[in-house]
Amino acid sequence: MSIGIEHYLILSGVLFSIGTYGALSKRNAIAILICVELMLNGVIVALLAFSRFIVPDVVLITGHVFALFVITVAAGEAAVGLAIILNLYRKRQSIDVGQADTMKG
């Protein structure tokens, strides 16, 4: 049995679905950031699978380049998200997103 594109896409869909469920159901800001990262990893798996299996005879690095762009965006998102979480904790003494209705002191 060989591993085909279907297996990678199923894995990608599962990762994205778990991340979506977690991001929508959690109230902890750090858990939401982790779930967004999980969603981005699902997208990376799909990009690399399409890059590998669409034209199998030609070595294309387009999927890898897109994956690097997604990783770069994820790093920026994590930095900005953690800065927001630190500011929220300093103001409210909690990282519950239910208390983040306003950032005024």
N, C-alpha and C. Protein backbone atom coordinates (compact mmCIF):
# COMPACT_ATOMS: atom_id res chain seq x y z
N MET A 1 0.84 -1.17 0.00
CA MET A 1 0.00 0.00 0.00
C MET A 1 0.89 1.24 0.00
N SER A 2 0.67 2.12 -0.95
CA SER A 2 1.46 3.34 -1.01
C SER A 2 0.64 4.51 -0.45
N ILE A 3 1.35 5.46 0.02
CA ILE A 3 0.70 6.65 0.57
C ILE A 3 0.50 7.64 -0.57
N GLY A 4 -0.74 7.99 -0.81
CA GLY A 4 -1.07 8.90 -1.89
C GLY A 4 -1.48 10.26 -1.38
N ILE A 5 -1.91 11.09 -2.32
CA ILE A 5 -2.30 12.45 -1.97
C ILE A 5 -3.53 12.46 -1.07
N GLU A 6 -4.38 11.43 -1.20
CA GLU A 6 -5.59 11.37 -0.38
C GLU A 6 -5.25 11.31 1.10
N HIS A 7 -4.22 10.56 1.43
CA HIS A 7 -3.82 10.42 2.83
C HIS A 7 -3.34 11.76 3.40
N TYR A 8 -2.55 12.46 2.61
CA TYR A 8 -2.06 13.76 3.07
C TYR A 8 -3.20 14.76 3.21
N LEU A 9 -4.14 14.73 2.27
CA LEU A 9 -5.25 15.67 2.35
C LEU A 9 -6.19 15.34 3.51
N ILE A 10 -6.34 14.07 3.81
CA ILE A 10 -7.14 13.69 4.99
C ILE A 10 -6.45 14.18 6.26
N LEU A 11 -5.13 13.99 6.34
CA LEU A 11 -4.37 14.49 7.48
C LEU A 11 -4.50 16.01 7.58
N SER A 12 -4.38 16.68 6.46
CA SER A 12 -4.51 18.14 6.44
C SER A 12 -5.89 18.58 6.90
N GLY A 13 -6.92 17.92 6.42
CA GLY A 13 -8.28 18.26 6.84
C GLY A 13 -8.52 18.01 8.31
N VAL A 14 -7.97 16.91 8.83
CA VAL A 14 -8.12 16.61 10.26
C VAL A 14 -7.42 17.67 11.11
N LEU A 15 -6.19 18.03 10.72
CA LEU A 15 -5.47 19.07 11.47
C LEU A 15 -6.22 20.39 11.44
N PHE A 16 -6.71 20.76 10.26
CA PHE A 16 -7.43 22.03 10.14
C PHE A 16 -8.73 21.99 10.94
N SER A 17 -9.43 20.86 10.91
CA SER A 17 -10.69 20.75 11.64
C SER A 17 -10.49 20.81 13.15
N ILE A 18 -9.46 20.13 13.64
CA ILE A 18 -9.16 20.17 15.07
C ILE A 18 -8.80 21.59 15.49
N GLY A 19 -8.00 22.27 14.65
CA GLY A 19 -7.63 23.64 14.95
C GLY A 19 -8.82 24.58 14.95
N THR A 20 -9.73 24.40 13.98
CA THR A 20 -10.92 25.24 13.92
C THR A 20 -11.81 25.02 15.13
N TYR A 21 -12.04 23.77 15.48
CA TYR A 21 -12.86 23.47 16.65
C TYR A 21 -12.25 24.07 17.91
N GLY A 22 -10.94 23.91 18.06
CA GLY A 22 -10.28 24.44 19.25
C GLY A 22 -10.33 25.95 19.30
N ALA A 23 -10.12 26.62 18.16
CA ALA A 23 -10.13 28.08 18.14
C ALA A 23 -11.52 28.64 18.44
N LEU A 24 -12.55 27.93 18.03
CA LEU A 24 -13.91 28.41 18.27
C LEU A 24 -14.45 28.05 19.65
N SER A 25 -13.90 27.01 20.27
CA SER A 25 -14.47 26.56 21.54
C SER A 25 -13.67 26.97 22.77
N LYS A 26 -12.43 27.35 22.61
CA LYS A 26 -11.59 27.71 23.77
C LYS A 26 -11.83 29.14 24.19
N ARG A 27 -11.60 29.40 25.46
CA ARG A 27 -11.71 30.77 25.99
C ARG A 27 -10.34 31.30 26.40
N ASN A 28 -9.36 30.44 26.47
CA ASN A 28 -8.01 30.83 26.83
C ASN A 28 -7.31 31.35 25.57
N ALA A 29 -6.71 32.53 25.65
CA ALA A 29 -6.11 33.16 24.47
C ALA A 29 -4.91 32.37 23.95
N ILE A 30 -4.13 31.79 24.83
CA ILE A 30 -2.97 31.03 24.39
C ILE A 30 -3.41 29.75 23.67
N ALA A 31 -4.45 29.11 24.16
CA ALA A 31 -4.97 27.92 23.49
C ALA A 31 -5.52 28.27 22.11
N ILE A 32 -6.12 29.43 21.98
CA ILE A 32 -6.62 29.85 20.67
C ILE A 32 -5.46 30.06 19.71
N LEU A 33 -4.37 30.67 20.18
CA LEU A 33 -3.19 30.84 19.32
C LEU A 33 -2.61 29.50 18.89
N ILE A 34 -2.58 28.55 19.80
CA ILE A 34 -2.06 27.23 19.47
C ILE A 34 -2.94 26.57 18.41
N CYS A 35 -4.25 26.74 18.53
CA CYS A 35 -5.16 26.14 17.56
C CYS A 35 -5.03 26.81 16.18
N VAL A 36 -4.77 28.11 16.16
CA VAL A 36 -4.53 28.78 14.87
C VAL A 36 -3.25 28.25 14.24
N GLU A 37 -2.23 28.01 15.03
CA GLU A 37 -1.00 27.42 14.51
C GLU A 37 -1.26 26.01 13.95
N LEU A 38 -2.12 25.27 14.60
CA LEU A 38 -2.48 23.94 14.12
C LEU A 38 -3.20 24.02 12.78
N MET A 39 -4.06 25.02 12.63
CA MET A 39 -4.73 25.23 11.35
C MET A 39 -3.73 25.57 10.25
N LEU A 40 -2.76 26.40 10.56
CA LEU A 40 -1.74 26.75 9.57
C LEU A 40 -0.88 25.55 9.20
N ASN A 41 -0.62 24.67 10.14
CA ASN A 41 0.13 23.44 9.83
C ASN A 41 -0.66 22.53 8.90
N GLY A 42 -1.98 22.49 9.06
CA GLY A 42 -2.81 21.73 8.13
C GLY A 42 -2.73 22.28 6.72
N VAL A 43 -2.69 23.60 6.60
CA VAL A 43 -2.55 24.22 5.29
C VAL A 43 -1.19 23.89 4.68
N ILE A 44 -0.14 23.89 5.49
CA ILE A 44 1.19 23.56 4.99
C ILE A 44 1.23 22.14 4.46
N VAL A 45 0.62 21.21 5.17
CA VAL A 45 0.59 19.82 4.71
C VAL A 45 -0.11 19.71 3.36
N ALA A 46 -1.21 20.43 3.18
CA ALA A 46 -1.93 20.39 1.91
C ALA A 46 -1.09 21.01 0.79
N LEU A 47 -0.42 22.12 1.06
CA LEU A 47 0.41 22.76 0.04
C LEU A 47 1.54 21.84 -0.41
N LEU A 48 2.19 21.20 0.54
CA LEU A 48 3.29 20.30 0.19
C LEU A 48 2.79 19.06 -0.54
N ALA A 49 1.62 18.57 -0.18
CA ALA A 49 1.07 17.40 -0.87
C ALA A 49 0.73 17.74 -2.31
N PHE A 50 0.10 18.88 -2.53
CA PHE A 50 -0.21 19.29 -3.90
C PHE A 50 1.06 19.52 -4.71
N SER A 51 2.06 20.11 -4.10
CA SER A 51 3.31 20.35 -4.79
C SER A 51 3.99 19.04 -5.19
N ARG A 52 3.88 18.04 -4.35
CA ARG A 52 4.55 16.76 -4.63
C ARG A 52 3.79 15.90 -5.62
N PHE A 53 2.47 15.89 -5.55
CA PHE A 53 1.71 14.91 -6.32
C PHE A 53 1.07 15.45 -7.59
N ILE A 54 1.02 16.75 -7.80
CA ILE A 54 0.39 17.25 -9.02
C ILE A 54 1.25 16.92 -10.24
N VAL A 55 2.52 17.23 -10.19
CA VAL A 55 3.44 16.89 -11.29
C VAL A 55 4.56 16.04 -10.68
N PRO A 56 4.39 14.72 -10.63
CA PRO A 56 5.36 13.89 -9.89
C PRO A 56 6.72 13.76 -10.58
N ASP A 57 6.79 13.97 -11.90
CA ASP A 57 8.06 13.78 -12.60
C ASP A 57 8.98 14.98 -12.48
N VAL A 58 8.41 16.14 -12.25
CA VAL A 58 9.19 17.37 -12.16
C VAL A 58 9.32 17.77 -10.69
N VAL A 59 10.52 18.14 -10.31
CA VAL A 59 10.74 18.58 -8.94
C VAL A 59 10.38 20.06 -8.86
N LEU A 60 9.26 20.34 -8.21
CA LEU A 60 8.81 21.71 -8.02
C LEU A 60 9.00 22.10 -6.56
N ILE A 61 9.50 23.28 -6.35
CA ILE A 61 9.68 23.75 -4.98
C ILE A 61 8.64 24.82 -4.63
N THR A 62 7.64 24.97 -5.45
CA THR A 62 6.65 26.01 -5.17
C THR A 62 5.91 25.74 -3.86
N GLY A 63 5.59 24.48 -3.60
CA GLY A 63 4.94 24.15 -2.33
C GLY A 63 5.81 24.46 -1.14
N HIS A 64 7.11 24.23 -1.28
CA HIS A 64 8.04 24.53 -0.20
C HIS A 64 8.15 26.04 0.03
N VAL A 65 8.15 26.79 -1.07
CA VAL A 65 8.23 28.25 -0.94
C VAL A 65 6.97 28.78 -0.26
N PHE A 66 5.81 28.28 -0.67
CA PHE A 66 4.57 28.70 -0.03
C PHE A 66 4.56 28.29 1.45
N ALA A 67 5.10 27.12 1.75
CA ALA A 67 5.17 26.68 3.15
C ALA A 67 6.05 27.61 3.97
N LEU A 68 7.16 28.07 3.38
CA LEU A 68 8.01 29.02 4.09
C LEU A 68 7.28 30.35 4.33
N PHE A 69 6.48 30.78 3.35
CA PHE A 69 5.69 32.00 3.55
C PHE A 69 4.68 31.80 4.67
N VAL A 70 4.04 30.66 4.73
CA VAL A 70 3.06 30.39 5.79
C VAL A 70 3.75 30.35 7.15
N ILE A 71 4.93 29.75 7.21
CA ILE A 71 5.68 29.70 8.47
C ILE A 71 6.06 31.11 8.91
N THR A 72 6.44 31.96 7.95
CA THR A 72 6.79 33.34 8.27
C THR A 72 5.58 34.11 8.80
N VAL A 73 4.44 33.93 8.15
CA VAL A 73 3.22 34.58 8.62
C VAL A 73 2.84 34.05 10.01
N ALA A 74 3.02 32.76 10.24
CA ALA A 74 2.70 32.18 11.55
C ALA A 74 3.60 32.75 12.64
N ALA A 75 4.86 32.98 12.32
CA ALA A 75 5.77 33.56 13.31
C ALA A 75 5.35 34.99 13.65
N GLY A 76 4.98 35.75 12.64
CA GLY A 76 4.50 37.11 12.89
C GLY A 76 3.21 37.12 13.67
N GLU A 77 2.32 36.20 13.33
CA GLU A 77 1.04 36.09 14.05
C GLU A 77 1.27 35.71 15.51
N ALA A 78 2.20 34.83 15.76
CA ALA A 78 2.49 34.43 17.14
C ALA A 78 3.09 35.58 17.93
N ALA A 79 3.97 36.35 17.31
CA ALA A 79 4.58 37.48 18.02
C ALA A 79 3.54 38.55 18.36
N VAL A 80 2.71 38.91 17.40
CA VAL A 80 1.68 39.92 17.65
C VAL A 80 0.64 39.39 18.64
N GLY A 81 0.26 38.13 18.49
CA GLY A 81 -0.72 37.54 19.40
C GLY A 81 -0.22 37.48 20.83
N LEU A 82 1.04 37.10 21.01
CA LEU A 82 1.59 37.06 22.37
C LEU A 82 1.71 38.46 22.96
N ALA A 83 2.02 39.46 22.14
CA ALA A 83 2.06 40.84 22.64
C ALA A 83 0.67 41.28 23.10
N ILE A 84 -0.36 40.93 22.35
CA ILE A 84 -1.72 41.27 22.74
C ILE A 84 -2.11 40.54 24.03
N ILE A 85 -1.74 39.28 24.13
CA ILE A 85 -2.06 38.50 25.32
C ILE A 85 -1.35 39.08 26.55
N LEU A 86 -0.08 39.48 26.40
CA LEU A 86 0.63 40.09 27.53
C LEU A 86 -0.02 41.40 27.96
N ASN A 87 -0.44 42.20 26.98
CA ASN A 87 -1.12 43.45 27.31
C ASN A 87 -2.46 43.18 28.00
N LEU A 88 -3.19 42.17 27.52
CA LEU A 88 -4.46 41.80 28.14
C LEU A 88 -4.25 41.32 29.58
N TYR A 89 -3.19 40.53 29.81
CA TYR A 89 -2.92 40.04 31.16
C TYR A 89 -2.54 41.19 32.10
N ARG A 90 -1.78 42.13 31.59
CA ARG A 90 -1.38 43.27 32.44
C ARG A 90 -2.58 44.12 32.83
N LYS A 91 -3.54 44.26 31.91
CA LYS A 91 -4.71 45.11 32.19
C LYS A 91 -5.76 44.38 33.02
N ARG A 92 -6.02 43.11 32.73
CA ARG A 92 -7.14 42.38 33.34
C ARG A 92 -6.74 41.31 34.34
N GLN A 93 -5.46 40.98 34.43
CA GLN A 93 -4.97 39.90 35.29
C GLN A 93 -5.57 38.55 34.92
N SER A 94 -5.93 38.39 33.66
CA SER A 94 -6.49 37.13 33.16
C SER A 94 -6.29 37.11 31.65
N ILE A 95 -6.21 35.89 31.08
CA ILE A 95 -6.10 35.78 29.63
C ILE A 95 -7.37 35.17 29.04
N ASP A 96 -8.46 35.33 29.75
CA ASP A 96 -9.76 34.88 29.26
C ASP A 96 -10.23 35.84 28.19
N VAL A 97 -10.58 35.30 27.00
CA VAL A 97 -10.97 36.19 25.90
C VAL A 97 -12.34 36.81 26.14
N GLY A 98 -13.11 36.31 27.07
CA GLY A 98 -14.39 36.91 27.40
C GLY A 98 -14.23 38.28 28.06
N GLN A 99 -13.09 38.50 28.68
CA GLN A 99 -12.82 39.78 29.31
C GLN A 99 -12.11 40.76 28.37
N ALA A 100 -11.90 40.38 27.15
CA ALA A 100 -11.16 41.22 26.20
C ALA A 100 -12.08 42.07 25.36
N ASP A 101 -13.25 42.44 25.89
CA ASP A 101 -14.19 43.23 25.11
C ASP A 101 -13.68 44.63 24.84
N THR A 102 -12.88 45.13 25.73
CA THR A 102 -12.28 46.45 25.52
C THR A 102 -10.89 46.45 26.13
N MET A 103 -10.01 47.22 25.56
CA MET A 103 -8.65 47.29 26.08
C MET A 103 -8.45 48.55 26.93
N LYS A 104 -9.51 49.32 27.13
CA LYS A 104 -9.38 50.50 27.97
C LYS A 104 -9.23 50.07 29.42
N GLY A 105 -8.37 50.75 30.16
CA GLY A 105 -8.00 50.39 31.49
C GLY A 105 -9.01 50.48 32.53
